[in-house]
């Protein structure tokens, strides 16, 4: 009698390329700390893929792309593509981190606050 491993039971039945419609990269380069919030009402979700609907439901409260990926147990690349699709259709609003907007230069004030917080631990 064959048994399935717990990891196999938790895997999605739909392969990632099917969720993304065959896309391998998002149209917008999203950092993992990019913040996402739903802007579309429930009526706008009709006809969307279940994965898009799950993201919209989850992002009623602000979440990062990394949180979306983890909470929905989907690969980070897939989450980025799906969030970028939703952003293009106007269903979510995104807030890129300051470093991404300034050409990759980190914000020194933010880094100092993070370092200070780590020292307090």
PDB file of N, CA and C in Angstrom:
ATOM      1  N   UNK A   1       0.843  -1.168   0.000  1.00  0.00           N
ATOM      2  CA  UNK A   1       0.000   0.000   0.000  1.00  0.00           C
ATOM      3  C   UNK A   1       0.890   1.233   0.000  1.00  0.00           C
ATOM      4  N   UNK A   2       0.710   2.091  -0.972  1.00  0.00           N
ATOM      5  CA  UNK A   2       1.518   3.299  -1.095  1.00  0.00           C
ATOM      6  C   UNK A   2       0.930   4.408  -0.239  1.00  0.00           C
ATOM      7  N   UNK A   3       1.807   5.123   0.431  1.00  0.00           N
ATOM      8  CA  UNK A   3       1.358   6.263   1.222  1.00  0.00           C
ATOM      9  C   UNK A   3       1.980   7.524   0.638  1.00  0.00           C
ATOM     10  N   UNK A   4       1.303   8.635   0.836  1.00  0.00           N
ATOM     11  CA  UNK A   4       1.851   9.900   0.344  1.00  0.00           C
ATOM     12  C   UNK A   4       2.537  10.612   1.493  1.00  0.00           C
ATOM     13  N   UNK A   5       3.631  11.208   1.189  1.00  0.00           N
ATOM     14  CA  UNK A   5       4.367  11.973   2.196  1.00  0.00           C
ATOM     15  C   UNK A   5       3.591  13.232   2.528  1.00  0.00           C
ATOM     16  N   UNK A   6       3.742  13.758   3.757  1.00  0.00           N
ATOM     17  CA  UNK A   6       3.031  14.979   4.128  1.00  0.00           C
ATOM     18  C   UNK A   6       3.339  16.143   3.188  1.00  0.00           C
ATOM     19  N   UNK A   7       4.578  16.213   2.692  1.00  0.00           N
ATOM     20  CA  UNK A   7       4.941  17.296   1.781  1.00  0.00           C
ATOM     21  C   UNK A   7       4.162  17.197   0.469  1.00  0.00           C
ATOM     22  N   UNK A   8       3.918  15.991   0.000  1.00  0.00           N
ATOM     23  CA  UNK A   8       3.192  15.798  -1.249  1.00  0.00           C
ATOM     24  C   UNK A   8       1.741  16.229  -1.111  1.00  0.00           C
ATOM     25  N   UNK A   9       1.148  15.985   0.052  1.00  0.00           N
ATOM     26  CA  UNK A   9      -0.246  16.353   0.266  1.00  0.00           C
ATOM     27  C   UNK A   9      -0.413  17.871   0.321  1.00  0.00           C
ATOM     28  N   UNK A  10       0.617  18.589   0.751  1.00  0.00           N
ATOM     29  CA  UNK A  10       0.537  20.042   0.880  1.00  0.00           C
ATOM     30  C   UNK A  10       0.821  20.763  -0.429  1.00  0.00           C
ATOM     31  N   UNK A  11       1.353  20.097  -1.403  1.00  0.00           N
ATOM     32  CA  UNK A  11       1.688  20.738  -2.675  1.00  0.00           C
ATOM     33  C   UNK A  11       0.425  21.107  -3.442  1.00  0.00           C
ATOM     34  N   UNK A  12       0.462  22.245  -4.137  1.00  0.00           N
ATOM     35  CA  UNK A  12      -0.718  22.615  -4.928  1.00  0.00           C
ATOM     36  C   UNK A  12      -0.895  21.657  -6.094  1.00  0.00           C
ATOM     37  N   UNK A  13      -2.135  21.456  -6.485  1.00  0.00           N
ATOM     38  CA  UNK A  13      -2.424  20.563  -7.600  1.00  0.00           C
ATOM     39  C   UNK A  13      -2.126  21.231  -8.941  1.00  0.00           C
ATOM     40  N   UNK A  14      -2.086  22.553  -8.961  1.00  0.00           N
ATOM     41  CA  UNK A  14      -1.829  23.298 -10.178  1.00  0.00           C
ATOM     42  C   UNK A  14      -0.362  23.714 -10.188  1.00  0.00           C
ATOM     43  N   UNK A  15       0.314  23.440 -11.257  1.00  0.00           N
ATOM     44  CA  UNK A  15       1.727  23.806 -11.363  1.00  0.00           C
ATOM     45  C   UNK A  15       1.871  25.324 -11.471  1.00  0.00           C
ATOM     46  N   UNK A  16       3.005  25.848 -10.964  1.00  0.00           N
ATOM     47  CA  UNK A  16       3.202  27.306 -10.985  1.00  0.00           C
ATOM     48  C   UNK A  16       3.041  27.952 -12.350  1.00  0.00           C
ATOM     49  N   UNK A  17       3.521  27.320 -13.421  1.00  0.00           N
ATOM     50  CA  UNK A  17       3.400  27.944 -14.741  1.00  0.00           C
ATOM     51  C   UNK A  17       1.949  28.056 -15.179  1.00  0.00           C
ATOM     52  N   UNK A  18       1.097  27.182 -14.668  1.00  0.00           N
ATOM     53  CA  UNK A  18      -0.323  27.271 -14.995  1.00  0.00           C
ATOM     54  C   UNK A  18      -0.964  28.443 -14.243  1.00  0.00           C
ATOM     55  N   UNK A  19      -0.525  28.674 -13.001  1.00  0.00           N
ATOM     56  CA  UNK A  19      -1.050  29.791 -12.211  1.00  0.00           C
ATOM     57  C   UNK A  19      -0.695  31.135 -12.837  1.00  0.00           C
ATOM     58  N   UNK A  20       0.468  31.191 -13.460  1.00  0.00           N
ATOM     59  CA  UNK A  20       0.952  32.461 -14.012  1.00  0.00           C
ATOM     60  C   UNK A  20       0.639  32.616 -15.489  1.00  0.00           C
ATOM     61  N   UNK A  21      -0.056  31.656 -16.058  1.00  0.00           N
ATOM     62  CA  UNK A  21      -0.361  31.727 -17.485  1.00  0.00           C
ATOM     63  C   UNK A  21       0.875  31.566 -18.354  1.00  0.00           C
ATOM     64  N   UNK A  22       1.879  30.852 -17.840  1.00  0.00           N
ATOM     65  CA  UNK A  22       3.102  30.623 -18.588  1.00  0.00           C
ATOM     66  C   UNK A  22       4.160  31.701 -18.416  1.00  0.00           C
ATOM     67  N   UNK A  23       3.846  32.756 -17.667  1.00  0.00           N
ATOM     68  CA  UNK A  23       4.827  33.829 -17.447  1.00  0.00           C
ATOM     69  C   UNK A  23       5.917  33.343 -16.508  1.00  0.00           C
ATOM     70  N   UNK A  24       7.129  33.772 -16.773  1.00  0.00           N
ATOM     71  CA  UNK A  24       8.244  33.393 -15.906  1.00  0.00           C
ATOM     72  C   UNK A  24       8.803  34.577 -15.136  1.00  0.00           C
ATOM     73  N   UNK A  25       8.392  35.784 -15.526  1.00  0.00           N
ATOM     74  CA  UNK A  25       8.852  36.999 -14.844  1.00  0.00           C
ATOM     75  C   UNK A  25       7.714  38.002 -14.768  1.00  0.00           C
ATOM     76  N   UNK A  26       7.668  38.757 -13.665  1.00  0.00           N
ATOM     77  CA  UNK A  26       6.644  39.815 -13.589  1.00  0.00           C
ATOM     78  C   UNK A  26       7.013  40.981 -14.493  1.00  0.00           C
ATOM     79  N   UNK A  27       6.013  41.720 -14.947  1.00  0.00           N
ATOM     80  CA  UNK A  27       6.289  42.888 -15.795  1.00  0.00           C
ATOM     81  C   UNK A  27       6.923  44.018 -14.987  1.00  0.00           C
ATOM     82  N   UNK A  28       6.600  44.088 -13.693  1.00  0.00           N
ATOM     83  CA  UNK A  28       7.200  45.072 -12.792  1.00  0.00           C
ATOM     84  C   UNK A  28       8.112  44.317 -11.843  1.00  0.00           C
ATOM     85  N   UNK A  29       9.311  44.821 -11.655  1.00  0.00           N
ATOM     86  CA  UNK A  29      10.243  44.176 -10.740  1.00  0.00           C
ATOM     87  C   UNK A  29       9.834  44.507  -9.314  1.00  0.00           C
ATOM     88  N   UNK A  30       9.322  43.529  -8.600  1.00  0.00           N
ATOM     89  CA  UNK A  30       8.858  43.732  -7.230  1.00  0.00           C
ATOM     90  C   UNK A  30       9.865  43.153  -6.247  1.00  0.00           C
ATOM     91  N   UNK A  31      10.255  43.965  -5.269  1.00  0.00           N
ATOM     92  CA  UNK A  31      11.119  43.474  -4.197  1.00  0.00           C
ATOM     93  C   UNK A  31      10.273  42.631  -3.249  1.00  0.00           C
ATOM     94  N   UNK A  32      10.910  41.760  -2.492  1.00  0.00           N
ATOM     95  CA  UNK A  32      10.145  40.902  -1.585  1.00  0.00           C
ATOM     96  C   UNK A  32       9.485  41.703  -0.474  1.00  0.00           C
ATOM     97  N   UNK A  33      10.019  42.889  -0.182  1.00  0.00           N
ATOM     98  CA  UNK A  33       9.425  43.720   0.866  1.00  0.00           C
ATOM     99  C   UNK A  33       8.410  44.730   0.338  1.00  0.00           C
ATOM    100  N   UNK A  34       8.097  44.658  -0.960  1.00  0.00           N
ATOM    101  CA  UNK A  34       7.071  45.519  -1.537  1.00  0.00           C
ATOM    102  C   UNK A  34       5.754  45.274  -0.816  1.00  0.00           C
ATOM    103  N   UNK A  35       5.088  46.360  -0.416  1.00  0.00           N
ATOM    104  CA  UNK A  35       3.821  46.250   0.300  1.00  0.00           C
ATOM    105  C   UNK A  35       2.658  46.269  -0.682  1.00  0.00           C
ATOM    106  N   UNK A  36       1.640  45.451  -0.391  1.00  0.00           N
ATOM    107  CA  UNK A  36       0.503  45.269  -1.291  1.00  0.00           C
ATOM    108  C   UNK A  36      -0.786  45.413  -0.491  1.00  0.00           C
ATOM    109  N   UNK A  37      -1.756  46.157  -1.042  1.00  0.00           N
ATOM    110  CA  UNK A  37      -3.084  46.245  -0.438  1.00  0.00           C
ATOM    111  C   UNK A  37      -4.131  46.218  -1.547  1.00  0.00           C
ATOM    112  N   UNK A  38      -5.232  45.549  -1.269  1.00  0.00           N
ATOM    113  CA  UNK A  38      -6.318  45.415  -2.232  1.00  0.00           C
ATOM    114  C   UNK A  38      -7.048  46.743  -2.391  1.00  0.00           C
ATOM    115  N   UNK A  39      -7.313  47.114  -3.632  1.00  0.00           N
ATOM    116  CA  UNK A  39      -8.083  48.328  -3.917  1.00  0.00           C
ATOM    117  C   UNK A  39      -9.412  48.002  -4.586  1.00  0.00           C
ATOM    118  N   UNK A  40      -9.582  46.785  -5.055  1.00  0.00           N
ATOM    119  CA  UNK A  40     -10.799  46.373  -5.765  1.00  0.00           C
ATOM    120  C   UNK A  40     -11.831  45.842  -4.777  1.00  0.00           C
ATOM    121  N   UNK A  41     -13.077  46.093  -5.089  1.00  0.00           N
ATOM    122  CA  UNK A  41     -14.165  45.563  -4.286  1.00  0.00           C
ATOM    123  C   UNK A  41     -14.428  44.106  -4.616  1.00  0.00           C
ATOM    124  N   UNK A  42     -15.211  43.437  -3.769  1.00  0.00           N
ATOM    125  CA  UNK A  42     -15.500  42.011  -3.993  1.00  0.00           C
ATOM    126  C   UNK A  42     -16.164  41.728  -5.344  1.00  0.00           C
ATOM    127  N   UNK A  43     -16.938  42.670  -5.855  1.00  0.00           N
ATOM    128  CA  UNK A  43     -17.623  42.449  -7.136  1.00  0.00           C
ATOM    129  C   UNK A  43     -16.650  42.362  -8.303  1.00  0.00           C
ATOM    130  N   UNK A  44     -15.470  42.952  -8.163  1.00  0.00           N
ATOM    131  CA  UNK A  44     -14.479  42.942  -9.238  1.00  0.00           C
ATOM    132  C   UNK A  44     -13.727  41.619  -9.329  1.00  0.00           C
ATOM    133  N   UNK A  45     -13.897  40.766  -8.331  1.00  0.00           N
ATOM    134  CA  UNK A  45     -13.143  39.513  -8.286  1.00  0.00           C
ATOM    135  C   UNK A  45     -13.760  38.401  -9.116  1.00  0.00           C
ATOM    136  N   UNK A  46     -14.979  38.596  -9.571  1.00  0.00           N
ATOM    137  CA  UNK A  46     -15.648  37.563 -10.360  1.00  0.00           C
ATOM    138  C   UNK A  46     -14.852  37.285 -11.628  1.00  0.00           C
ATOM    139  N   UNK A  47     -14.624  36.028 -11.914  1.00  0.00           N
ATOM    140  CA  UNK A  47     -13.930  35.633 -13.122  1.00  0.00           C
ATOM    141  C   UNK A  47     -12.416  35.568 -12.990  1.00  0.00           C
ATOM    142  N   UNK A  48     -11.888  35.968 -11.844  1.00  0.00           N
ATOM    143  CA  UNK A  48     -10.439  35.886 -11.642  1.00  0.00           C
ATOM    144  C   UNK A  48     -10.037  34.466 -11.270  1.00  0.00           C
ATOM    145  N   UNK A  49      -8.769  34.161 -11.491  1.00  0.00           N
ATOM    146  CA  UNK A  49      -8.235  32.873 -11.056  1.00  0.00           C
ATOM    147  C   UNK A  49      -8.323  32.772  -9.531  1.00  0.00           C
ATOM    148  N   UNK A  50      -8.477  31.575  -9.003  1.00  0.00           N
ATOM    149  CA  UNK A  50      -8.550  31.407  -7.546  1.00  0.00           C
ATOM    150  C   UNK A  50      -7.338  31.994  -6.817  1.00  0.00           C
ATOM    151  N   UNK A  51      -6.162  31.898  -7.434  1.00  0.00           N
ATOM    152  CA  UNK A  51      -4.954  32.437  -6.799  1.00  0.00           C
ATOM    153  C   UNK A  51      -5.023  33.960  -6.684  1.00  0.00           C
ATOM    154  N   UNK A  52      -5.527  34.609  -7.719  1.00  0.00           N
ATOM    155  CA  UNK A  52      -5.702  36.059  -7.665  1.00  0.00           C
ATOM    156  C   UNK A  52      -6.713  36.420  -6.574  1.00  0.00           C
ATOM    157  N   UNK A  53      -7.787  35.670  -6.490  1.00  0.00           N
ATOM    158  CA  UNK A  53      -8.807  35.928  -5.472  1.00  0.00           C
ATOM    159  C   UNK A  53      -8.240  35.760  -4.065  1.00  0.00           C
ATOM    160  N   UNK A  54      -7.402  34.751  -3.881  1.00  0.00           N
ATOM    161  CA  UNK A  54      -6.785  34.526  -2.569  1.00  0.00           C
ATOM    162  C   UNK A  54      -5.881  35.695  -2.185  1.00  0.00           C
ATOM    163  N   UNK A  55      -5.133  36.212  -3.149  1.00  0.00           N
ATOM    164  CA  UNK A  55      -4.258  37.361  -2.877  1.00  0.00           C
ATOM    165  C   UNK A  55      -5.105  38.579  -2.519  1.00  0.00           C
ATOM    166  N   UNK A  56      -6.165  38.830  -3.274  1.00  0.00           N
ATOM    167  CA  UNK A  56      -7.027  39.971  -2.984  1.00  0.00           C
ATOM    168  C   UNK A  56      -7.647  39.865  -1.599  1.00  0.00           C
ATOM    169  N   UNK A  57      -8.077  38.685  -1.236  1.00  0.00           N
ATOM    170  CA  UNK A  57      -8.660  38.479   0.093  1.00  0.00           C
ATOM    171  C   UNK A  57      -7.609  38.708   1.185  1.00  0.00           C
ATOM    172  N   UNK A  58      -6.445  38.148   0.999  1.00  0.00           N
ATOM    173  CA  UNK A  58      -5.369  38.262   1.977  1.00  0.00           C
ATOM    174  C   UNK A  58      -4.910  39.713   2.136  1.00  0.00           C
ATOM    175  N   UNK A  59      -4.886  40.462   1.052  1.00  0.00           N
ATOM    176  CA  UNK A  59      -4.339  41.822   1.075  1.00  0.00           C
ATOM    177  C   UNK A  59      -5.379  42.886   1.406  1.00  0.00           C
ATOM    178  N   UNK A  60      -6.457  42.477   2.041  1.00  0.00           N
ATOM    179  CA  UNK A  60      -7.372  43.485   2.579  1.00  0.00           C
ATOM    180  C   UNK A  60      -6.647  44.285   3.654  1.00  0.00           C
ATOM    181  N   UNK A  61      -5.680  43.641   4.264  1.00  0.00           N
ATOM    182  CA  UNK A  61      -4.741  44.304   5.161  1.00  0.00           C
ATOM    183  C   UNK A  61      -3.386  44.266   4.456  1.00  0.00           C
ATOM    184  N   UNK A  62      -2.579  45.284   4.659  1.00  0.00           N
ATOM    185  CA  UNK A  62      -1.291  45.390   3.963  1.00  0.00           C
ATOM    186  C   UNK A  62      -0.411  44.185   4.258  1.00  0.00           C
ATOM    187  N   UNK A  63       0.129  43.615   3.204  1.00  0.00           N
ATOM    188  CA  UNK A  63       1.057  42.481   3.299  1.00  0.00           C
ATOM    189  C   UNK A  63       2.222  42.729   2.344  1.00  0.00           C
ATOM    190  N   UNK A  64       3.371  42.163   2.691  1.00  0.00           N
ATOM    191  CA  UNK A  64       4.511  42.227   1.768  1.00  0.00           C
ATOM    192  C   UNK A  64       4.401  41.062   0.785  1.00  0.00           C
ATOM    193  N   UNK A  65       5.122  41.170  -0.307  1.00  0.00           N
ATOM    194  CA  UNK A  65       5.135  40.086  -1.292  1.00  0.00           C
ATOM    195  C   UNK A  65       5.648  38.799  -0.638  1.00  0.00           C
ATOM    196  N   UNK A  66       6.637  38.924   0.237  1.00  0.00           N
ATOM    197  CA  UNK A  66       7.169  37.745   0.931  1.00  0.00           C
ATOM    198  C   UNK A  66       6.098  37.101   1.812  1.00  0.00           C
ATOM    199  N   UNK A  67       5.298  37.914   2.506  1.00  0.00           N
ATOM    200  CA  UNK A  67       4.217  37.368   3.337  1.00  0.00           C
ATOM    201  C   UNK A  67       3.168  36.672   2.488  1.00  0.00           C
ATOM    202  N   UNK A  68       2.822  37.263   1.363  1.00  0.00           N
ATOM    203  CA  UNK A  68       1.845  36.654   0.460  1.00  0.00           C
ATOM    204  C   UNK A  68       2.335  35.279   0.043  1.00  0.00           C
ATOM    205  N   UNK A  69       3.577  35.203  -0.364  1.00  0.00           N
ATOM    206  CA  UNK A  69       4.167  33.939  -0.786  1.00  0.00           C
ATOM    207  C   UNK A  69       4.107  32.905   0.338  1.00  0.00           C
ATOM    208  N   UNK A  70       4.496  33.308   1.531  1.00  0.00           N
ATOM    209  CA  UNK A  70       4.539  32.374   2.659  1.00  0.00           C
ATOM    210  C   UNK A  70       3.143  31.962   3.109  1.00  0.00           C
ATOM    211  N   UNK A  71       2.246  32.914   3.250  1.00  0.00           N
ATOM    212  CA  UNK A  71       0.904  32.610   3.755  1.00  0.00           C
ATOM    213  C   UNK A  71       0.081  31.775   2.782  1.00  0.00           C
ATOM    214  N   UNK A  72       0.332  31.951   1.495  1.00  0.00           N
ATOM    215  CA  UNK A  72      -0.407  31.181   0.491  1.00  0.00           C
ATOM    216  C   UNK A  72       0.376  29.968   0.001  1.00  0.00           C
ATOM    217  N   UNK A  73       1.518  29.727   0.622  1.00  0.00           N
ATOM    218  CA  UNK A  73       2.399  28.597   0.281  1.00  0.00           C
ATOM    219  C   UNK A  73       2.603  28.454  -1.229  1.00  0.00           C
ATOM    220  N   UNK A  74       3.023  29.556  -1.835  1.00  0.00           N
ATOM    221  CA  UNK A  74       3.344  29.526  -3.258  1.00  0.00           C
ATOM    222  C   UNK A  74       4.765  30.068  -3.432  1.00  0.00           C
ATOM    223  N   UNK A  75       5.453  29.642  -4.469  1.00  0.00           N
ATOM    224  CA  UNK A  75       6.808  30.141  -4.701  1.00  0.00           C
ATOM    225  C   UNK A  75       6.823  31.669  -4.826  1.00  0.00           C
ATOM    226  N   UNK A  76       7.897  32.277  -4.355  1.00  0.00           N
ATOM    227  CA  UNK A  76       8.027  33.726  -4.374  1.00  0.00           C
ATOM    228  C   UNK A  76       7.891  34.292  -5.789  1.00  0.00           C
ATOM    229  N   UNK A  77       8.487  33.649  -6.758  1.00  0.00           N
ATOM    230  CA  UNK A  77       8.394  34.117  -8.139  1.00  0.00           C
ATOM    231  C   UNK A  77       6.963  34.132  -8.647  1.00  0.00           C
ATOM    232  N   UNK A  78       6.193  33.127  -8.274  1.00  0.00           N
ATOM    233  CA  UNK A  78       4.785  33.060  -8.676  1.00  0.00           C
ATOM    234  C   UNK A  78       4.013  34.194  -8.013  1.00  0.00           C
ATOM    235  N   UNK A  79       4.258  34.413  -6.718  1.00  0.00           N
ATOM    236  CA  UNK A  79       3.573  35.499  -6.007  1.00  0.00           C
ATOM    237  C   UNK A  79       3.877  36.843  -6.652  1.00  0.00           C
ATOM    238  N   UNK A  80       5.129  37.069  -7.037  1.00  0.00           N
ATOM    239  CA  UNK A  80       5.502  38.329  -7.683  1.00  0.00           C
ATOM    240  C   UNK A  80       4.743  38.525  -8.996  1.00  0.00           C
ATOM    241  N   UNK A  81       4.651  37.477  -9.790  1.00  0.00           N
ATOM    242  CA  UNK A  81       3.950  37.571 -11.073  1.00  0.00           C
ATOM    243  C   UNK A  81       2.470  37.855 -10.861  1.00  0.00           C
ATOM    244  N   UNK A  82       1.844  37.143  -9.931  1.00  0.00           N
ATOM    245  CA  UNK A  82       0.411  37.328  -9.693  1.00  0.00           C
ATOM    246  C   UNK A  82       0.118  38.721  -9.130  1.00  0.00           C
ATOM    247  N   UNK A  83       0.955  39.204  -8.213  1.00  0.00           N
ATOM    248  CA  UNK A  83       0.771  40.555  -7.664  1.00  0.00           C
ATOM    249  C   UNK A  83       0.958  41.600  -8.765  1.00  0.00           C
ATOM    250  N   UNK A  84       1.965  41.422  -9.615  1.00  0.00           N
ATOM    251  CA  UNK A  84       2.187  42.363 -10.722  1.00  0.00           C
ATOM    252  C   UNK A  84       0.985  42.379 -11.668  1.00  0.00           C
ATOM    253  N   UNK A  85       0.403  41.211 -11.933  1.00  0.00           N
ATOM    254  CA  UNK A  85      -0.800  41.140 -12.779  1.00  0.00           C
ATOM    255  C   UNK A  85      -1.950  41.924 -12.152  1.00  0.00           C
ATOM    256  N   UNK A  86      -2.150  41.722 -10.846  1.00  0.00           N
ATOM    257  CA  UNK A  86      -3.227  42.427 -10.150  1.00  0.00           C
ATOM    258  C   UNK A  86      -2.982  43.933 -10.132  1.00  0.00           C
ATOM    259  N   UNK A  87      -1.732  44.323  -9.999  1.00  0.00           N
ATOM    260  CA  UNK A  87      -1.396  45.753 -10.015  1.00  0.00           C
ATOM    261  C   UNK A  87      -1.679  46.366 -11.379  1.00  0.00           C
ATOM    262  N   UNK A  88      -1.332  45.655 -12.445  1.00  0.00           N
ATOM    263  CA  UNK A  88      -1.584  46.148 -13.798  1.00  0.00           C
ATOM    264  C   UNK A  88      -3.077  46.323 -14.066  1.00  0.00           C
ATOM    265  N   UNK A  89      -3.887  45.466 -13.472  1.00  0.00           N
ATOM    266  CA  UNK A  89      -5.333  45.570 -13.686  1.00  0.00           C
ATOM    267  C   UNK A  89      -5.995  46.534 -12.700  1.00  0.00           C
ATOM    268  N   UNK A  90      -5.202  47.160 -11.832  1.00  0.00           N
ATOM    269  CA  UNK A  90      -5.730  48.158 -10.902  1.00  0.00           C
ATOM    270  C   UNK A  90      -6.438  47.587  -9.688  1.00  0.00           C
ATOM    271  N   UNK A  91      -6.218  46.322  -9.404  1.00  0.00           N
ATOM    272  CA  UNK A  91      -6.915  45.689  -8.287  1.00  0.00           C
ATOM    273  C   UNK A  91      -6.148  45.744  -6.975  1.00  0.00           C
ATOM    274  N   UNK A  92      -4.852  46.015  -7.051  1.00  0.00           N
ATOM    275  CA  UNK A  92      -4.055  46.200  -5.839  1.00  0.00           C
ATOM    276  C   UNK A  92      -3.184  47.439  -6.020  1.00  0.00           C
ATOM    277  N   UNK A  93      -2.839  48.015  -4.898  1.00  0.00           N
ATOM    278  CA  UNK A  93      -1.896  49.117  -4.875  1.00  0.00           C
ATOM    279  C   UNK A  93      -0.608  48.590  -4.267  1.00  0.00           C
ATOM    280  N   UNK A  94       0.523  48.989  -4.827  1.00  0.00           N
ATOM    281  CA  UNK A  94       1.797  48.529  -4.284  1.00  0.00           C
ATOM    282  C   UNK A  94       2.619  49.722  -3.827  1.00  0.00           C
ATOM    283  N   UNK A  95       3.455  49.462  -2.862  1.00  0.00           N
ATOM    284  CA  UNK A  95       4.387  50.477  -2.364  1.00  0.00           C
ATOM    285  C   UNK A  95       5.766  49.848  -2.361  1.00  0.00           C
ATOM    286  N   UNK A  96       6.594  50.308  -3.297  1.00  0.00           N
ATOM    287  CA  UNK A  96       7.957  49.788  -3.410  1.00  0.00           C
ATOM    288  C   UNK A  96       8.806  50.336  -2.263  1.00  0.00           C
ATOM    289  N   UNK A  97       9.785  49.568  -1.800  1.00  0.00           N
ATOM    290  CA  UNK A  97      10.686  50.074  -0.770  1.00  0.00           C
ATOM    291  C   UNK A  97      11.505  51.250  -1.305  1.00  0.00           C
ATOM    292  N   UNK A  98      11.929  52.119  -0.405  1.00  0.00           N
ATOM    293  CA  UNK A  98      12.666  53.320  -0.787  1.00  0.00           C
ATOM    294  C   UNK A  98      13.927  52.980  -1.583  1.00  0.00           C
ATOM    295  N   UNK A  99      14.615  51.903  -1.234  1.00  0.00           N
ATOM    296  CA  UNK A  99      15.842  51.523  -1.937  1.00  0.00           C
ATOM    297  C   UNK A  99      15.563  51.219  -3.401  1.00  0.00           C
ATOM    298  N   UNK A 100      14.443  50.600  -3.690  1.00  0.00           N
ATOM    299  CA  UNK A 100      14.103  50.272  -5.075  1.00  0.00           C
ATOM    300  C   UNK A 100      13.798  51.529  -5.874  1.00  0.00           C
ATOM    301  N   UNK A 101      13.233  52.529  -5.220  1.00  0.00           N
ATOM    302  CA  UNK A 101      12.880  53.760  -5.909  1.00  0.00           C
ATOM    303  C   UNK A 101      14.080  54.671  -6.122  1.00  0.00           C
ATOM    304  N   UNK A 102      15.084  54.547  -5.265  1.00  0.00           N
ATOM    305  CA  UNK A 102      16.236  55.449  -5.359  1.00  0.00           C
ATOM    306  C   UNK A 102      17.383  54.836  -6.142  1.00  0.00           C
ATOM    307  N   UNK A 103      17.105  53.843  -6.939  1.00  0.00           N
ATOM    308  CA  UNK A 103      18.137  53.235  -7.765  1.00  0.00           C
ATOM    309  C   UNK A 103      18.965  52.207  -7.035  1.00  0.00           C
ATOM    310  N   UNK A 104      18.450  51.650  -5.944  1.00  0.00           N
ATOM    311  CA  UNK A 104      19.155  50.593  -5.231  1.00  0.00           C
ATOM    312  C   UNK A 104      20.013  51.066  -4.075  1.00  0.00           C
ATOM    313  N   UNK A 105      20.101  52.368  -3.839  1.00  0.00           N
ATOM    314  CA  UNK A 105      20.878  52.872  -2.720  1.00  0.00           C
ATOM    315  C   UNK A 105      20.049  52.764  -1.447  1.00  0.00           C
ATOM    316  N   UNK A 106      20.546  52.066  -0.429  1.00  0.00           N
ATOM    317  CA  UNK A 106      19.757  51.901   0.789  1.00  0.00           C
ATOM    318  C   UNK A 106      19.614  53.211   1.566  1.00  0.00           C
ATOM    319  N   UNK A 107      18.501  53.352   2.241  1.00  0.00           N
ATOM    320  CA  UNK A 107      18.235  54.516   3.078  1.00  0.00           C
ATOM    321  C   UNK A 107      19.012  54.355   4.384  1.00  0.00           C
ATOM    322  N   UNK A 108      19.987  55.217   4.610  1.00  0.00           N
ATOM    323  CA  UNK A 108      20.855  55.106   5.791  1.00  0.00           C
ATOM    324  C   UNK A 108      20.078  55.276   7.093  1.00  0.00           C
ATOM    325  N   UNK A 109      19.072  56.133   7.100  1.00  0.00           N
ATOM    326  CA  UNK A 109      18.277  56.332   8.309  1.00  0.00           C
ATOM    327  C   UNK A 109      17.558  55.042   8.680  1.00  0.00           C
ATOM    328  N   UNK A 110      16.993  54.388   7.691  1.00  0.00           N
ATOM    329  CA  UNK A 110      16.309  53.123   7.942  1.00  0.00           C
ATOM    330  C   UNK A 110      17.281  52.069   8.448  1.00  0.00           C
ATOM    331  N   UNK A 111      18.448  51.983   7.820  1.00  0.00           N
ATOM    332  CA  UNK A 111      19.444  51.003   8.251  1.00  0.00           C
ATOM    333  C   UNK A 111      19.898  51.266   9.686  1.00  0.00           C
ATOM    334  N   UNK A 112      20.052  52.536  10.049  1.00  0.00           N
ATOM    335  CA  UNK A 112      20.447  52.875  11.421  1.00  0.00           C
ATOM    336  C   UNK A 112      19.359  52.493  12.415  1.00  0.00           C
ATOM    337  N   UNK A 113      18.091  52.691  12.050  1.00  0.00           N
ATOM    338  CA  UNK A 113      16.991  52.305  12.941  1.00  0.00           C
ATOM    339  C   UNK A 113      16.942  50.794  13.106  1.00  0.00           C
ATOM    340  N   UNK A 114      17.160  50.051  12.034  1.00  0.00           N
ATOM    341  CA  UNK A 114      17.171  48.597  12.103  1.00  0.00           C
ATOM    342  C   UNK A 114      18.323  48.129  13.001  1.00  0.00           C
ATOM    343  N   UNK A 115      19.491  48.695  12.809  1.00  0.00           N
ATOM    344  CA  UNK A 115      20.641  48.336  13.631  1.00  0.00           C
ATOM    345  C   UNK A 115      20.388  48.645  15.103  1.00  0.00           C
ATOM    346  N   UNK A 116      19.803  49.784  15.370  1.00  0.00           N
ATOM    347  CA  UNK A 116      19.474  50.161  16.756  1.00  0.00           C
ATOM    348  C   UNK A 116      18.490  49.153  17.363  1.00  0.00           C
ATOM    349  N   UNK A 117      17.486  48.769  16.595  1.00  0.00           N
ATOM    350  CA  UNK A 117      16.507  47.788  17.074  1.00  0.00           C
ATOM    351  C   UNK A 117      17.139  46.435  17.338  1.00  0.00           C
ATOM    352  N   UNK A 118      18.059  46.035  16.482  1.00  0.00           N
ATOM    353  CA  UNK A 118      18.754  44.749  16.682  1.00  0.00           C
ATOM    354  C   UNK A 118      19.614  44.780  17.934  1.00  0.00           C
ATOM    355  N   UNK A 119      20.238  45.912  18.193  1.00  0.00           N
ATOM    356  CA  UNK A 119      21.062  46.027  19.408  1.00  0.00           C
ATOM    357  C   UNK A 119      20.238  45.940  20.669  1.00  0.00           C
ATOM    358  N   UNK A 120      18.993  46.398  20.593  1.00  0.00           N
ATOM    359  CA  UNK A 120      18.103  46.355  21.765  1.00  0.00           C
ATOM    360  C   UNK A 120      17.635  44.936  22.072  1.00  0.00           C
ATOM    361  N   UNK A 121      17.735  44.052  21.088  1.00  0.00           N
ATOM    362  CA  UNK A 121      17.334  42.650  21.313  1.00  0.00           C
ATOM    363  C   UNK A 121      18.325  42.011  22.182  1.00  0.00           C
TER     364      UNK A 121
END
